[in-house]
Every structure is written in structure tokens, then in C-alpha cells.
N, C-alpha and C. Protein backbone atom coordinates (compact mmCIF):
# COMPACT_ATOMS: atom_id res chain seq x y z
N MET A 1 -6.73 -12.56 7.78
CA MET A 1 -5.81 -11.84 8.63
C MET A 1 -4.78 -11.07 7.79
N ILE A 2 -4.26 -11.70 6.76
CA ILE A 2 -3.27 -11.06 5.90
C ILE A 2 -3.89 -9.84 5.20
N VAL A 3 -5.17 -9.93 4.88
CA VAL A 3 -5.85 -8.81 4.21
C VAL A 3 -5.77 -7.56 5.08
N TYR A 4 -5.92 -7.72 6.38
CA TYR A 4 -5.86 -6.57 7.28
C TYR A 4 -4.46 -5.98 7.34
N VAL A 5 -3.46 -6.82 7.31
CA VAL A 5 -2.07 -6.35 7.31
C VAL A 5 -1.79 -5.56 6.04
N GLU A 6 -2.21 -6.09 4.91
CA GLU A 6 -2.00 -5.39 3.65
C GLU A 6 -2.73 -4.05 3.65
N ARG A 7 -3.96 -4.03 4.16
CA ARG A 7 -4.71 -2.77 4.23
C ARG A 7 -3.98 -1.75 5.10
N ASP A 8 -3.44 -2.20 6.23
CA ASP A 8 -2.70 -1.30 7.11
C ASP A 8 -1.44 -0.77 6.43
N LEU A 9 -0.75 -1.63 5.68
CA LEU A 9 0.45 -1.18 4.96
C LEU A 9 0.11 -0.16 3.88
N VAL A 10 -0.99 -0.39 3.19
CA VAL A 10 -1.42 0.55 2.16
C VAL A 10 -1.80 1.89 2.80
N ASP A 11 -2.49 1.85 3.92
CA ASP A 11 -2.83 3.08 4.64
C ASP A 11 -1.57 3.81 5.09
N PHE A 12 -0.60 3.06 5.61
CA PHE A 12 0.67 3.64 6.03
C PHE A 12 1.38 4.28 4.83
N LEU A 13 1.38 3.58 3.71
CA LEU A 13 2.02 4.11 2.50
C LEU A 13 1.36 5.41 2.05
N ARG A 14 0.06 5.46 2.10
CA ARG A 14 -0.65 6.70 1.72
C ARG A 14 -0.26 7.86 2.64
N LEU A 15 -0.16 7.59 3.92
CA LEU A 15 0.25 8.61 4.88
C LEU A 15 1.68 9.08 4.59
N VAL A 16 2.58 8.14 4.39
CA VAL A 16 3.98 8.48 4.12
C VAL A 16 4.10 9.25 2.81
N THR A 17 3.35 8.85 1.80
CA THR A 17 3.39 9.54 0.51
C THR A 17 2.97 11.00 0.65
N ALA A 18 1.91 11.23 1.41
CA ALA A 18 1.44 12.61 1.62
C ALA A 18 2.47 13.42 2.39
N ARG A 19 3.06 12.83 3.44
CA ARG A 19 4.07 13.54 4.24
C ARG A 19 5.33 13.79 3.43
N ALA A 20 5.73 12.82 2.64
CA ALA A 20 6.93 12.98 1.81
C ALA A 20 6.75 14.13 0.83
N ALA A 21 5.57 14.23 0.25
CA ALA A 21 5.30 15.33 -0.69
C ALA A 21 5.44 16.68 0.00
N LEU A 22 5.05 16.75 1.26
CA LEU A 22 5.14 18.02 2.00
C LEU A 22 6.57 18.37 2.40
N TYR A 23 7.34 17.37 2.80
CA TYR A 23 8.62 17.64 3.42
C TYR A 23 9.85 17.31 2.60
N LEU A 24 9.73 16.49 1.58
CA LEU A 24 10.91 16.04 0.85
C LEU A 24 11.04 16.63 -0.55
N GLY A 25 10.06 17.38 -0.97
CA GLY A 25 10.14 18.04 -2.27
C GLY A 25 10.42 17.09 -3.41
N ASP A 26 11.52 17.37 -4.14
CA ASP A 26 11.87 16.58 -5.32
C ASP A 26 12.23 15.13 -5.01
N HIS A 27 12.54 14.82 -3.78
CA HIS A 27 12.94 13.47 -3.40
C HIS A 27 11.75 12.58 -3.02
N ALA A 28 10.58 13.15 -2.91
CA ALA A 28 9.41 12.41 -2.42
C ALA A 28 9.10 11.18 -3.26
N ASN A 29 9.13 11.30 -4.57
CA ASN A 29 8.79 10.15 -5.42
C ASN A 29 9.79 9.02 -5.27
N ARG A 30 11.06 9.36 -5.16
CA ARG A 30 12.07 8.30 -5.01
C ARG A 30 11.96 7.61 -3.65
N VAL A 31 11.67 8.39 -2.61
CA VAL A 31 11.51 7.81 -1.28
C VAL A 31 10.27 6.91 -1.24
N THR A 32 9.18 7.37 -1.83
CA THR A 32 7.96 6.57 -1.87
C THR A 32 8.18 5.28 -2.65
N ALA A 33 8.85 5.37 -3.79
CA ALA A 33 9.12 4.17 -4.59
C ALA A 33 9.99 3.18 -3.82
N ALA A 34 10.99 3.67 -3.11
CA ALA A 34 11.86 2.80 -2.33
C ALA A 34 11.07 2.11 -1.22
N LEU A 35 10.19 2.85 -0.57
CA LEU A 35 9.36 2.26 0.48
C LEU A 35 8.42 1.21 -0.10
N CYS A 36 7.86 1.47 -1.25
CA CYS A 36 6.99 0.48 -1.90
C CYS A 36 7.76 -0.80 -2.19
N ARG A 37 8.98 -0.66 -2.69
CA ARG A 37 9.78 -1.86 -2.96
C ARG A 37 10.07 -2.61 -1.67
N ALA A 38 10.38 -1.89 -0.61
CA ALA A 38 10.69 -2.53 0.67
C ALA A 38 9.47 -3.26 1.24
N LEU A 39 8.28 -2.70 1.03
CA LEU A 39 7.05 -3.29 1.55
C LEU A 39 6.40 -4.24 0.56
N ASP A 40 7.00 -4.37 -0.63
CA ASP A 40 6.46 -5.21 -1.69
C ASP A 40 5.04 -4.79 -2.06
N LEU A 41 4.86 -3.47 -2.24
CA LEU A 41 3.58 -2.90 -2.65
C LEU A 41 3.78 -2.18 -3.98
N PRO A 42 2.71 -2.03 -4.76
CA PRO A 42 2.84 -1.29 -6.02
C PRO A 42 3.15 0.18 -5.78
N VAL A 43 3.96 0.74 -6.66
CA VAL A 43 4.30 2.15 -6.57
C VAL A 43 3.11 2.97 -7.05
N PRO A 44 2.65 3.97 -6.26
CA PRO A 44 1.53 4.80 -6.70
C PRO A 44 1.83 5.44 -8.06
N GLY A 45 0.85 5.42 -8.92
CA GLY A 45 1.00 6.00 -10.25
C GLY A 45 1.42 4.99 -11.31
N THR A 46 1.94 3.83 -10.87
CA THR A 46 2.33 2.82 -11.85
C THR A 46 1.29 1.70 -11.93
N SER A 47 0.57 1.49 -10.84
CA SER A 47 -0.54 0.52 -10.82
C SER A 47 -1.41 0.87 -9.63
N ALA A 48 -2.65 0.46 -9.67
CA ALA A 48 -3.60 0.83 -8.63
C ALA A 48 -3.24 0.17 -7.30
N LEU A 49 -3.35 0.93 -6.22
CA LEU A 49 -3.19 0.36 -4.89
C LEU A 49 -4.44 -0.43 -4.55
N ARG A 50 -4.24 -1.55 -3.94
CA ARG A 50 -5.38 -2.35 -3.51
C ARG A 50 -5.94 -1.76 -2.22
N SER A 51 -7.25 -1.69 -2.11
CA SER A 51 -7.84 -1.16 -0.87
C SER A 51 -8.73 -2.16 -0.20
């Protein structure tokens, strides 16, 4: 059950990362990193996301 939750969070993070890149410009990386810390997920580009 936890595996499905983690998968959903990773999918959500991917969606947010793509949207942030479109709308937040230079702030996108910082917003994505903050969200990763809040969700206790690896920051994209620093370690592989689990799928």
C-alpha cells in the first residue's frame, strides 16, 4: 500500500516540476527542492527518483 502512495507522490512531483519550470522561471528549482524536502523525496538531479 505504501508503494502506491510513494508512486503517486513521485508522479505528483514530476507534474509540479514540469509546471514550475513553465511558470516560475528561475525559482522553479528552489520550489521543487522545497517540495521534495516537504514530501521527504529525493530532489531531481541529485539522486534518481524511484518509480
